[in-house]
PDB file of N, CA and C in Angstrom:
ATOM      1  N   MET A   1      17.099 -15.790   5.835  1.00  0.00           N
ATOM      2  CA  MET A   1      15.987 -15.002   6.319  1.00  0.00           C
ATOM      3  C   MET A   1      15.707 -13.874   5.325  1.00  0.00           C
ATOM      4  N   SER A   2      14.449 -13.676   4.994  1.00  0.00           N
ATOM      5  CA  SER A   2      14.134 -12.650   4.020  1.00  0.00           C
ATOM      6  C   SER A   2      13.990 -11.284   4.694  1.00  0.00           C
ATOM      7  N   LYS A   3      14.374 -10.295   3.947  1.00  0.00           N
ATOM      8  CA  LYS A   3      14.365  -8.922   4.429  1.00  0.00           C
ATOM      9  C   LYS A   3      13.042  -8.261   4.058  1.00  0.00           C
ATOM     10  N   GLN A   4      12.473  -7.475   4.959  1.00  0.00           N
ATOM     11  CA  GLN A   4      11.260  -6.725   4.668  1.00  0.00           C
ATOM     12  C   GLN A   4      11.515  -5.244   4.905  1.00  0.00           C
ATOM     13  N   LEU A   5      10.929  -4.445   4.044  1.00  0.00           N
ATOM     14  CA  LEU A   5      10.987  -2.995   4.193  1.00  0.00           C
ATOM     15  C   LEU A   5       9.562  -2.484   4.340  1.00  0.00           C
ATOM     16  N   PHE A   6       9.424  -1.280   4.883  1.00  0.00           N
ATOM     17  CA  PHE A   6       8.097  -0.757   5.176  1.00  0.00           C
ATOM     18  C   PHE A   6       7.930   0.657   4.649  1.00  0.00           C
ATOM     19  N   LYS A   7       6.713   0.960   4.250  1.00  0.00           N
ATOM     20  CA  LYS A   7       6.326   2.312   3.856  1.00  0.00           C
ATOM     21  C   LYS A   7       5.124   2.702   4.702  1.00  0.00           C
ATOM     22  N   ALA A   8       5.204   3.848   5.343  1.00  0.00           N
ATOM     23  CA  ALA A   8       4.115   4.334   6.187  1.00  0.00           C
ATOM     24  C   ALA A   8       3.258   5.324   5.401  1.00  0.00           C
ATOM     25  N   ILE A   9       1.949   5.198   5.561  1.00  0.00           N
ATOM     26  CA  ILE A   9       0.995   6.098   4.921  1.00  0.00           C
ATOM     27  C   ILE A   9       0.055   6.620   6.004  1.00  0.00           C
ATOM     28  N   HIS A  10      -0.125   7.924   6.041  1.00  0.00           N
ATOM     29  CA  HIS A  10      -1.013   8.539   7.028  1.00  0.00           C
ATOM     30  C   HIS A  10      -2.442   8.570   6.494  1.00  0.00           C
ATOM     31  N   PHE A  11      -3.380   8.113   7.315  1.00  0.00           N
ATOM     32  CA  PHE A  11      -4.802   8.186   6.996  1.00  0.00           C
ATOM     33  C   PHE A  11      -5.502   8.847   8.176  1.00  0.00           C
ATOM     34  N   PRO A  12      -6.215   9.952   7.945  1.00  0.00           N
ATOM     35  CA  PRO A  12      -6.861  10.663   9.045  1.00  0.00           C
ATOM     36  C   PRO A  12      -7.827   9.800   9.857  1.00  0.00           C
ATOM     37  N   ASP A  13      -8.426   8.799   9.208  1.00  0.00           N
ATOM     38  CA  ASP A  13      -9.426   7.971   9.895  1.00  0.00           C
ATOM     39  C   ASP A  13      -8.888   6.608  10.330  1.00  0.00           C
ATOM     40  N   TYR A  14      -7.573   6.412  10.262  1.00  0.00           N
ATOM     41  CA  TYR A  14      -7.000   5.126  10.673  1.00  0.00           C
ATOM     42  C   TYR A  14      -6.808   5.111  12.176  1.00  0.00           C
ATOM     43  N   CYS A  15      -7.478   4.190  12.843  1.00  0.00           N
ATOM     44  CA  CYS A  15      -7.366   4.138  14.310  1.00  0.00           C
ATOM     45  C   CYS A  15      -7.328   2.705  14.830  1.00  0.00           C
ATOM     46  N   GLU A  16      -7.016   1.749  13.972  1.00  0.00           N
ATOM     47  CA  GLU A  16      -7.049   0.348  14.376  1.00  0.00           C
ATOM     48  C   GLU A  16      -5.963  -0.019  15.374  1.00  0.00           C
ATOM     49  N   SER A  17      -4.881   0.710  15.377  1.00  0.00           N
ATOM     50  CA  SER A  17      -3.780   0.356  16.278  1.00  0.00           C
ATOM     51  C   SER A  17      -3.669   1.296  17.469  1.00  0.00           C
ATOM     52  N   ASN A  18      -4.616   2.206  17.609  1.00  0.00           N
ATOM     53  CA  ASN A  18      -4.594   3.206  18.670  1.00  0.00           C
ATOM     54  C   ASN A  18      -3.343   4.078  18.635  1.00  0.00           C
ATOM     55  N   ARG A  19      -2.767   4.210  17.453  1.00  0.00           N
ATOM     56  CA  ARG A  19      -1.603   5.071  17.292  1.00  0.00           C
ATOM     57  C   ARG A  19      -2.075   6.499  17.099  1.00  0.00           C
ATOM     58  N   PRO A  20      -1.515   7.437  17.833  1.00  0.00           N
ATOM     59  CA  PRO A  20      -1.953   8.824  17.681  1.00  0.00           C
ATOM     60  C   PRO A  20      -1.597   9.435  16.325  1.00  0.00           C
ATOM     61  N   ASP A  21      -0.577   8.878  15.646  1.00  0.00           N
ATOM     62  CA  ASP A  21      -0.164   9.449  14.366  1.00  0.00           C
ATOM     63  C   ASP A  21      -0.977   8.925  13.182  1.00  0.00           C
ATOM     64  N   LYS A  22      -1.847   7.934  13.410  1.00  0.00           N
ATOM     65  CA  LYS A  22      -2.758   7.398  12.397  1.00  0.00           C
ATOM     66  C   LYS A  22      -2.021   6.929  11.143  1.00  0.00           C
ATOM     67  N   VAL A  23      -0.974   6.154  11.341  1.00  0.00           N
ATOM     68  CA  VAL A  23      -0.131   5.674  10.248  1.00  0.00           C
ATOM     69  C   VAL A  23      -0.372   4.189  10.007  1.00  0.00           C
ATOM     70  N   PHE A  24      -0.593   3.840   8.755  1.00  0.00           N
ATOM     71  CA  PHE A  24      -0.714   2.445   8.336  1.00  0.00           C
ATOM     72  C   PHE A  24       0.578   2.090   7.608  1.00  0.00           C
ATOM     73  N   SER A  25       1.223   0.999   8.005  1.00  0.00           N
ATOM     74  CA  SER A  25       2.479   0.585   7.384  1.00  0.00           C
ATOM     75  C   SER A  25       2.254  -0.594   6.460  1.00  0.00           C
ATOM     76  N   ILE A  26       2.876  -0.517   5.292  1.00  0.00           N
ATOM     77  CA  ILE A  26       2.811  -1.590   4.305  1.00  0.00           C
ATOM     78  C   ILE A  26       4.177  -2.260   4.269  1.00  0.00           C
ATOM     79  N   SER A  27       4.182  -3.579   4.317  1.00  0.00           N
ATOM     80  CA  SER A  27       5.446  -4.306   4.249  1.00  0.00           C
ATOM     81  C   SER A  27       5.718  -4.757   2.815  1.00  0.00           C
ATOM     82  N   PHE A  28       6.985  -4.733   2.463  1.00  0.00           N
ATOM     83  CA  PHE A  28       7.439  -5.160   1.139  1.00  0.00           C
ATOM     84  C   PHE A  28       8.502  -6.230   1.321  1.00  0.00           C
ATOM     85  N   SER A  29       8.335  -7.345   0.649  1.00  0.00           N
ATOM     86  CA  SER A  29       9.324  -8.426   0.704  1.00  0.00           C
ATOM     87  C   SER A  29      10.442  -8.141  -0.297  1.00  0.00           C
ATOM     88  N   GLU A  30      11.466  -8.962  -0.263  1.00  0.00           N
ATOM     89  CA  GLU A  30      12.570  -8.818  -1.216  1.00  0.00           C
ATOM     90  C   GLU A  30      12.065  -8.929  -2.649  1.00  0.00           C
ATOM     91  N   LYS A  31      11.065  -9.755  -2.887  1.00  0.00           N
ATOM     92  CA  LYS A  31      10.504  -9.935  -4.226  1.00  0.00           C
ATOM     93  C   LYS A  31       9.782  -8.686  -4.720  1.00  0.00           C
ATOM     94  N   GLU A  32       9.409  -7.813  -3.799  1.00  0.00           N
ATOM     95  CA  GLU A  32       8.679  -6.595  -4.149  1.00  0.00           C
ATOM     96  C   GLU A  32       9.573  -5.351  -4.122  1.00  0.00           C
ATOM     97  N   MET A  33      10.876  -5.552  -4.202  1.00  0.00           N
ATOM     98  CA  MET A  33      11.834  -4.456  -4.082  1.00  0.00           C
ATOM     99  C   MET A  33      11.651  -3.407  -5.177  1.00  0.00           C
ATOM    100  N   GLU A  34      11.311  -3.832  -6.381  1.00  0.00           N
ATOM    101  CA  GLU A  34      11.088  -2.885  -7.484  1.00  0.00           C
ATOM    102  C   GLU A  34       9.955  -1.924  -7.126  1.00  0.00           C
ATOM    103  N   LEU A  35       8.874  -2.456  -6.587  1.00  0.00           N
ATOM    104  CA  LEU A  35       7.751  -1.617  -6.174  1.00  0.00           C
ATOM    105  C   LEU A  35       8.150  -0.725  -4.997  1.00  0.00           C
ATOM    106  N   PHE A  36       8.849  -1.273  -4.030  1.00  0.00           N
ATOM    107  CA  PHE A  36       9.267  -0.473  -2.874  1.00  0.00           C
ATOM    108  C   PHE A  36      10.123   0.712  -3.313  1.00  0.00           C
ATOM    109  N   LYS A  37      11.059   0.473  -4.220  1.00  0.00           N
ATOM    110  CA  LYS A  37      11.919   1.566  -4.693  1.00  0.00           C
ATOM    111  C   LYS A  37      11.095   2.663  -5.350  1.00  0.00           C
ATOM    112  N   ALA A  38      10.070   2.279  -6.084  1.00  0.00           N
ATOM    113  CA  ALA A  38       9.226   3.264  -6.759  1.00  0.00           C
ATOM    114  C   ALA A  38       8.366   4.042  -5.764  1.00  0.00           C
ATOM    115  N   VAL A  39       7.947   3.392  -4.684  1.00  0.00           N
ATOM    116  CA  VAL A  39       7.011   3.987  -3.726  1.00  0.00           C
ATOM    117  C   VAL A  39       7.712   4.674  -2.561  1.00  0.00           C
ATOM    118  N   SER A  40       8.908   4.263  -2.246  1.00  0.00           N
ATOM    119  CA  SER A  40       9.573   4.706  -1.006  1.00  0.00           C
ATOM    120  C   SER A  40       9.734   6.218  -0.898  1.00  0.00           C
ATOM    121  N   GLN A  41       9.912   6.903  -2.005  1.00  0.00           N
ATOM    122  CA  GLN A  41      10.105   8.351  -1.959  1.00  0.00           C
ATOM    123  C   GLN A  41       8.809   9.141  -2.151  1.00  0.00           C
ATOM    124  N   MET A  42       7.708   8.423  -2.332  1.00  0.00           N
ATOM    125  CA  MET A  42       6.422   9.097  -2.530  1.00  0.00           C
ATOM    126  C   MET A  42       5.856   9.578  -1.201  1.00  0.00           C
ATOM    127  N   SER A  43       5.150  10.686  -1.250  1.00  0.00           N
ATOM    128  CA  SER A  43       4.496  11.204  -0.058  1.00  0.00           C
ATOM    129  C   SER A  43       3.151  10.508   0.143  1.00  0.00           C
ATOM    130  N   THR A  44       2.602  10.651   1.336  1.00  0.00           N
ATOM    131  CA  THR A  44       1.261  10.138   1.601  1.00  0.00           C
ATOM    132  C   THR A  44       0.280  10.724   0.598  1.00  0.00           C
ATOM    133  N   TYR A  45       0.394  12.007   0.343  1.00  0.00           N
ATOM    134  CA  TYR A  45      -0.507  12.672  -0.600  1.00  0.00           C
ATOM    135  C   TYR A  45      -0.436  12.026  -1.980  1.00  0.00           C
ATOM    136  N   GLN A  46       0.772  11.769  -2.475  1.00  0.00           N
ATOM    137  CA  GLN A  46       0.937  11.163  -3.794  1.00  0.00           C
ATOM    138  C   GLN A  46       0.313   9.766  -3.840  1.00  0.00           C
ATOM    139  N   ILE A  47       0.508   8.995  -2.780  1.00  0.00           N
ATOM    140  CA  ILE A  47      -0.063   7.650  -2.726  1.00  0.00           C
ATOM    141  C   ILE A  47      -1.583   7.724  -2.672  1.00  0.00           C
ATOM    142  N   GLN A  48      -2.110   8.619  -1.871  1.00  0.00           N
ATOM    143  CA  GLN A  48      -3.561   8.758  -1.777  1.00  0.00           C
ATOM    144  C   GLN A  48      -4.164   9.239  -3.099  1.00  0.00           C
ATOM    145  N   GLU A  49      -3.446  10.057  -3.836  1.00  0.00           N
ATOM    146  CA  GLU A  49      -3.911  10.482  -5.161  1.00  0.00           C
ATOM    147  C   GLU A  49      -4.056   9.267  -6.082  1.00  0.00           C
ATOM    148  N   ILE A  50      -3.087   8.373  -6.036  1.00  0.00           N
ATOM    149  CA  ILE A  50      -3.150   7.156  -6.854  1.00  0.00           C
ATOM    150  C   ILE A  50      -4.312   6.282  -6.404  1.00  0.00           C
ATOM    151  N   LEU A  51      -4.507   6.171  -5.091  1.00  0.00           N
ATOM    152  CA  LEU A  51      -5.582   5.342  -4.552  1.00  0.00           C
ATOM    153  C   LEU A  51      -6.957   5.977  -4.738  1.00  0.00           C
ATOM    154  N   GLY A  52      -6.978   7.286  -4.947  1.00  0.00           N
ATOM    155  CA  GLY A  52      -8.229   7.986  -5.180  1.00  0.00           C
ATOM    156  C   GLY A  52      -9.017   8.331  -3.930  1.00  0.00           C
ATOM    157  N   THR A  53      -8.378   8.263  -2.767  1.00  0.00           N
ATOM    158  CA  THR A  53      -9.060   8.583  -1.509  1.00  0.00           C
ATOM    159  C   THR A  53      -8.053   8.850  -0.401  1.00  0.00           C
ATOM    160  N   THR A  54      -8.508   9.571   0.614  1.00  0.00           N
ATOM    161  CA  THR A  54      -7.704   9.768   1.823  1.00  0.00           C
ATOM    162  C   THR A  54      -8.286   8.968   2.983  1.00  0.00           C
ATOM    163  N   SER A  55      -9.298   8.162   2.698  1.00  0.00           N
ATOM    164  CA  SER A  55     -10.015   7.426   3.735  1.00  0.00           C
ATOM    165  C   SER A  55      -9.547   5.982   3.841  1.00  0.00           C
ATOM    166  N   PHE A  56      -9.057   5.620   5.014  1.00  0.00           N
ATOM    167  CA  PHE A  56      -8.664   4.235   5.250  1.00  0.00           C
ATOM    168  C   PHE A  56      -9.884   3.317   5.184  1.00  0.00           C
ATOM    169  N   ALA A  57     -11.011   3.771   5.712  1.00  0.00           N
ATOM    170  CA  ALA A  57     -12.233   2.961   5.702  1.00  0.00           C
ATOM    171  C   ALA A  57     -12.648   2.626   4.269  1.00  0.00           C
ATOM    172  N   GLU A  58     -12.531   3.596   3.373  1.00  0.00           N
ATOM    173  CA  GLU A  58     -12.883   3.360   1.973  1.00  0.00           C
ATOM    174  C   GLU A  58     -11.926   2.361   1.321  1.00  0.00           C
ATOM    175  N   ILE A  59     -10.654   2.508   1.610  1.00  0.00           N
ATOM    176  CA  ILE A  59      -9.665   1.568   1.063  1.00  0.00           C
ATOM    177  C   ILE A  59      -9.924   0.161   1.594  1.00  0.00           C
ATOM    178  N   LYS A  60     -10.247   0.057   2.867  1.00  0.00           N
ATOM    179  CA  LYS A  60     -10.541  -1.246   3.463  1.00  0.00           C
ATOM    180  C   LYS A  60     -11.757  -1.883   2.789  1.00  0.00           C
ATOM    181  N   GLN A  61     -12.779  -1.101   2.504  1.00  0.00           N
ATOM    182  CA  GLN A  61     -13.963  -1.615   1.807  1.00  0.00           C
ATOM    183  C   GLN A  61     -13.606  -2.098   0.407  1.00  0.00           C
ATOM    184  N   GLN A  62     -12.804  -1.318  -0.302  1.00  0.00           N
ATOM    185  CA  GLN A  62     -12.386  -1.709  -1.648  1.00  0.00           C
ATOM    186  C   GLN A  62     -11.563  -2.989  -1.612  1.00  0.00           C
ATOM    187  N   ALA A  63     -10.678  -3.090  -0.643  1.00  0.00           N
ATOM    188  CA  ALA A  63      -9.859  -4.299  -0.499  1.00  0.00           C
ATOM    189  C   ALA A  63     -10.750  -5.508  -0.210  1.00  0.00           C
ATOM    190  N   ASN A  64     -11.709  -5.352   0.673  1.00  0.00           N
ATOM    191  CA  ASN A  64     -12.622  -6.457   0.995  1.00  0.00           C
ATOM    192  C   ASN A  64     -13.407  -6.901  -0.225  1.00  0.00           C
ATOM    193  N   ARG A  65     -13.834  -5.960  -1.055  1.00  0.00           N
ATOM    194  CA  ARG A  65     -14.569  -6.307  -2.280  1.00  0.00           C
ATOM    195  C   ARG A  65     -13.726  -7.146  -3.226  1.00  0.00           C
ATOM    196  N   GLU A  66     -12.422  -6.938  -3.181  1.00  0.00           N
ATOM    197  CA  GLU A  66     -11.508  -7.690  -4.048  1.00  0.00           C
ATOM    198  C   GLU A  66     -10.862  -8.869  -3.319  1.00  0.00           C
ATOM    199  N   TYR A  67     -11.340  -9.173  -2.123  1.00  0.00           N
ATOM    200  CA  TYR A  67     -10.837 -10.299  -1.323  1.00  0.00           C
ATOM    201  C   TYR A  67      -9.326 -10.211  -1.102  1.00  0.00           C
ATOM    202  N   ARG A  68      -8.873  -9.006  -0.764  1.00  0.00           N
ATOM    203  CA  ARG A  68      -7.463  -8.755  -0.458  1.00  0.00           C
ATOM    204  C   ARG A  68      -7.376  -8.114   0.923  1.00  0.00           C
ATOM    205  N   ASN A  69      -6.216  -8.229   1.543  1.00  0.00           N
ATOM    206  CA  ASN A  69      -6.021  -7.422   2.739  1.00  0.00           C
ATOM    207  C   ASN A  69      -5.618  -6.024   2.280  1.00  0.00           C
ATOM    208  N   VAL A  70      -5.631  -5.066   3.181  1.00  0.00           N
ATOM    209  CA  VAL A  70      -5.404  -3.671   2.805  1.00  0.00           C
ATOM    210  C   VAL A  70      -4.021  -3.468   2.192  1.00  0.00           C
ATOM    211  N   GLY A  71      -3.006  -4.089   2.781  1.00  0.00           N
ATOM    212  CA  GLY A  71      -1.647  -3.952   2.243  1.00  0.00           C
ATOM    213  C   GLY A  71      -1.537  -4.482   0.827  1.00  0.00           C
ATOM    214  N   GLN A  72      -2.113  -5.645   0.565  1.00  0.00           N
ATOM    215  CA  GLN A  72      -2.099  -6.221  -0.782  1.00  0.00           C
ATOM    216  C   GLN A  72      -2.818  -5.310  -1.766  1.00  0.00           C
ATOM    217  N   TYR A  73      -3.963  -4.800  -1.343  1.00  0.00           N
ATOM    218  CA  TYR A  73      -4.753  -3.939  -2.211  1.00  0.00           C
ATOM    219  C   TYR A  73      -3.964  -2.673  -2.580  1.00  0.00           C
ATOM    220  N   ILE A  74      -3.367  -2.040  -1.590  1.00  0.00           N
ATOM    221  CA  ILE A  74      -2.612  -0.815  -1.861  1.00  0.00           C
ATOM    222  C   ILE A  74      -1.436  -1.108  -2.781  1.00  0.00           C
ATOM    223  N   LYS A  75      -0.704  -2.170  -2.523  1.00  0.00           N
ATOM    224  CA  LYS A  75       0.435  -2.506  -3.383  1.00  0.00           C
ATOM    225  C   LYS A  75      -0.010  -2.825  -4.802  1.00  0.00           C
ATOM    226  N   TYR A  76      -1.117  -3.520  -4.936  1.00  0.00           N
ATOM    227  CA  TYR A  76      -1.629  -3.844  -6.263  1.00  0.00           C
ATOM    228  C   TYR A  76      -2.004  -2.572  -7.023  1.00  0.00           C
ATOM    229  N   LYS A  77      -2.721  -1.654  -6.365  1.00  0.00           N
ATOM    230  CA  LYS A  77      -3.136  -0.411  -7.022  1.00  0.00           C
ATOM    231  C   LYS A  77      -1.918   0.440  -7.387  1.00  0.00           C
ATOM    232  N   LEU A  78      -0.939   0.502  -6.509  1.00  0.00           N
ATOM    233  CA  LEU A  78       0.269   1.258  -6.808  1.00  0.00           C
ATOM    234  C   LEU A  78       1.036   0.649  -7.976  1.00  0.00           C
ATOM    235  N   SER A  79       1.147  -0.666  -7.988  1.00  0.00           N
ATOM    236  CA  SER A  79       1.884  -1.316  -9.079  1.00  0.00           C
ATOM    237  C   SER A  79       1.176  -1.113 -10.415  1.00  0.00           C
ATOM    238  N   GLN A  80      -0.148  -1.129 -10.416  1.00  0.00           N
ATOM    239  CA  GLN A  80      -0.898  -0.854 -11.641  1.00  0.00           C
ATOM    240  C   GLN A  80      -0.648   0.578 -12.107  1.00  0.00           C
ATOM    241  N   ALA A  81      -0.732   1.526 -11.194  1.00  0.00           N
ATOM    242  CA  ALA A  81      -0.576   2.936 -11.536  1.00  0.00           C
ATOM    243  C   ALA A  81       0.835   3.254 -12.014  1.00  0.00           C
ATOM    244  N   LEU A  82       1.799   2.566 -11.464  1.00  0.00           N
ATOM    245  CA  LEU A  82       3.194   2.818 -11.815  1.00  0.00           C
ATOM    246  C   LEU A  82       3.653   1.956 -12.985  1.00  0.00           C
ATOM    247  N   SER A  83       2.750   1.150 -13.523  1.00  0.00           N
ATOM    248  CA  SER A  83       3.022   0.291 -14.689  1.00  0.00           C
ATOM    249  C   SER A  83       4.241  -0.591 -14.494  1.00  0.00           C
ATOM    250  N   LEU A  84       4.274  -1.266 -13.362  1.00  0.00           N
ATOM    251  CA  LEU A  84       5.388  -2.174 -13.104  1.00  0.00           C
ATOM    252  C   LEU A  84       5.164  -3.494 -13.831  1.00  0.00           C
ATOM    253  N   THR A  85       6.168  -4.288 -13.858  1.00  0.00           N
ATOM    254  CA  THR A  85       6.144  -5.514 -14.639  1.00  0.00           C
ATOM    255  C   THR A  85       5.019  -6.454 -14.217  1.00  0.00           C
ATOM    256  N   PRO A  86       4.421  -7.165 -15.167  1.00  0.00           N
ATOM    257  CA  PRO A  86       3.359  -8.119 -14.831  1.00  0.00           C
ATOM    258  C   PRO A  86       3.794  -9.178 -13.831  1.00  0.00           C
ATOM    259  N   SER A  87       5.055  -9.577 -13.857  1.00  0.00           N
ATOM    260  CA  SER A  87       5.516 -10.603 -12.922  1.00  0.00           C
ATOM    261  C   SER A  87       5.466 -10.080 -11.485  1.00  0.00           C
ATOM    262  N   LEU A  88       5.768  -8.809 -11.288  1.00  0.00           N
ATOM    263  CA  LEU A  88       5.682  -8.229  -9.956  1.00  0.00           C
ATOM    264  C   LEU A  88       4.233  -8.116  -9.522  1.00  0.00           C
ATOM    265  N   ILE A  89       3.377  -7.684 -10.425  1.00  0.00           N
ATOM    266  CA  ILE A  89       1.957  -7.558 -10.085  1.00  0.00           C
ATOM    267  C   ILE A  89       1.386  -8.913  -9.709  1.00  0.00           C
ATOM    268  N   SER A  90       1.769  -9.967 -10.393  1.00  0.00           N
ATOM    269  CA  SER A  90       1.237 -11.296 -10.078  1.00  0.00           C
ATOM    270  C   SER A  90       1.688 -11.763  -8.696  1.00  0.00           C
ATOM    271  N   ARG A  91       2.850 -11.350  -8.244  1.00  0.00           N
ATOM    272  CA  ARG A  91       3.323 -11.705  -6.906  1.00  0.00           C
ATOM    273  C   ARG A  91       2.506 -11.008  -5.824  1.00  0.00           C
ATOM    274  N   ILE A  92       2.000  -9.823  -6.144  1.00  0.00           N
ATOM    275  CA  ILE A  92       1.238  -9.051  -5.169  1.00  0.00           C
ATOM    276  C   ILE A  92      -0.188  -9.563  -5.093  1.00  0.00           C
ATOM    277  N   GLN A  93      -0.722 -10.061  -6.201  1.00  0.00           N
ATOM    278  CA  GLN A  93      -2.097 -10.557  -6.220  1.00  0.00           C
ATOM    279  C   GLN A  93      -2.195 -11.736  -5.336  1.00  0.00           C
TER     280      GLN A  93
END
Protein backbone atom coordinates (compact mmCIF):
# COMPACT_ATOMS: atom_id res chain seq x y z
CA MET A 1 0.00 0.00 0.00
CA SER A 2 1.40 3.38 -0.92
CA LYS A 3 1.79 6.10 1.64
CA GLN A 4 0.39 9.60 1.09
CA LEU A 5 1.27 12.79 2.89
CA PHE A 6 -0.65 16.06 2.87
CA LYS A 7 0.08 19.77 2.91
CA ALA A 8 -2.68 22.20 3.86
CA ILE A 9 -2.88 25.66 2.30
CA HIS A 10 -5.28 28.35 3.51
CA PHE A 11 -7.22 30.29 0.87
CA PRO A 12 -9.58 33.05 2.05
CA ASP A 13 -12.04 32.26 -0.76
CA TYR A 14 -11.95 28.45 -0.52
CA CYS A 15 -15.38 27.18 0.45
CA GLU A 16 -15.90 24.00 -1.56
CA SER A 17 -15.87 21.72 1.46
CA ASN A 18 -17.83 23.98 3.82
CA ARG A 19 -14.85 23.97 6.14
CA PRO A 20 -14.74 27.05 8.34
CA ASP A 21 -10.92 27.14 8.21
CA LYS A 22 -10.90 27.43 4.37
CA VAL A 23 -8.04 24.95 3.96
CA PHE A 24 -7.24 23.12 0.73
CA SER A 25 -5.14 19.97 1.18
CA ILE A 26 -2.72 18.66 -1.41
CA SER A 27 -1.79 14.99 -1.38
CA PHE A 28 1.71 13.76 -2.15
CA SER A 29 2.49 10.17 -3.11
CA GLU A 30 5.69 8.33 -2.23
CA LYS A 31 7.01 9.24 -5.69
CA GLU A 32 6.58 12.93 -4.83
CA MET A 33 8.47 12.75 -1.52
CA GLU A 34 11.23 15.09 -2.74
CA LEU A 35 8.65 17.78 -3.46
CA PHE A 36 6.81 17.16 -0.19
CA LYS A 37 10.02 17.57 1.81
CA ALA A 38 10.70 20.88 0.08
CA VAL A 39 7.13 22.16 0.60
CA SER A 40 6.23 20.70 4.00
CA GLN A 41 7.91 23.44 6.03
CA MET A 42 6.66 26.29 3.85
CA SER A 43 3.95 28.60 5.09
CA THR A 44 0.73 29.33 3.22
CA TYR A 45 2.13 32.79 2.51
CA GLN A 46 5.31 31.37 0.96
CA ILE A 47 3.32 28.98 -1.23
CA GLN A 48 0.94 31.72 -2.33
CA GLU A 49 3.91 33.93 -3.20
CA ILE A 50 5.18 31.20 -5.53
CA LEU A 51 1.71 30.74 -7.01
CA GLY A 52 1.34 34.50 -7.44
CA THR A 53 -2.09 34.74 -5.80
CA THR A 54 -4.04 34.23 -2.59
CA SER A 55 -7.21 33.37 -4.50
CA PHE A 56 -8.34 29.77 -4.79
CA ALA A 57 -10.73 30.77 -7.59
CA GLU A 58 -7.83 32.18 -9.61
CA ILE A 59 -5.74 29.07 -9.07
CA LYS A 60 -8.68 26.90 -10.12
CA GLN A 61 -9.06 28.93 -13.33
CA GLN A 62 -5.35 28.60 -14.09
CA ALA A 63 -5.48 24.86 -13.45
CA ASN A 64 -8.50 24.49 -15.75
CA ARG A 65 -6.68 26.38 -18.51
CA GLU A 66 -3.86 23.84 -18.26
CA TYR A 67 -6.27 20.87 -18.04
CA ARG A 68 -5.04 19.94 -14.55
CA ASN A 69 -6.81 19.53 -11.26
CA VAL A 70 -5.93 22.11 -8.61
CA GLY A 71 -3.61 19.80 -6.67
CA GLN A 72 -1.65 18.87 -9.80
CA TYR A 73 -1.40 22.49 -10.84
CA ILE A 74 -0.10 23.64 -7.45
CA LYS A 75 2.45 20.82 -7.27
CA TYR A 76 3.63 21.53 -10.79
CA LYS A 77 4.08 25.26 -10.09
CA LEU A 78 5.89 24.54 -6.83
CA SER A 79 8.21 22.01 -8.45
CA GLN A 80 9.05 24.50 -11.21
CA ALA A 81 9.75 27.28 -8.70
CA LEU A 82 11.87 25.03 -6.52
CA SER A 83 13.80 23.70 -9.54
CA LEU A 84 13.24 20.07 -8.72
CA THR A 85 14.37 17.29 -10.98
CA PRO A 86 12.70 16.91 -14.39
CA SER A 87 11.76 13.32 -13.55
CA LEU A 88 9.72 14.52 -10.57
CA ILE A 89 8.06 17.25 -12.60
CA SER A 90 7.08 14.72 -15.28
CA ARG A 91 5.37 12.56 -12.63
CA ILE A 92 3.29 15.54 -11.52
CA GLN A 93 2.25 16.50 -15.05
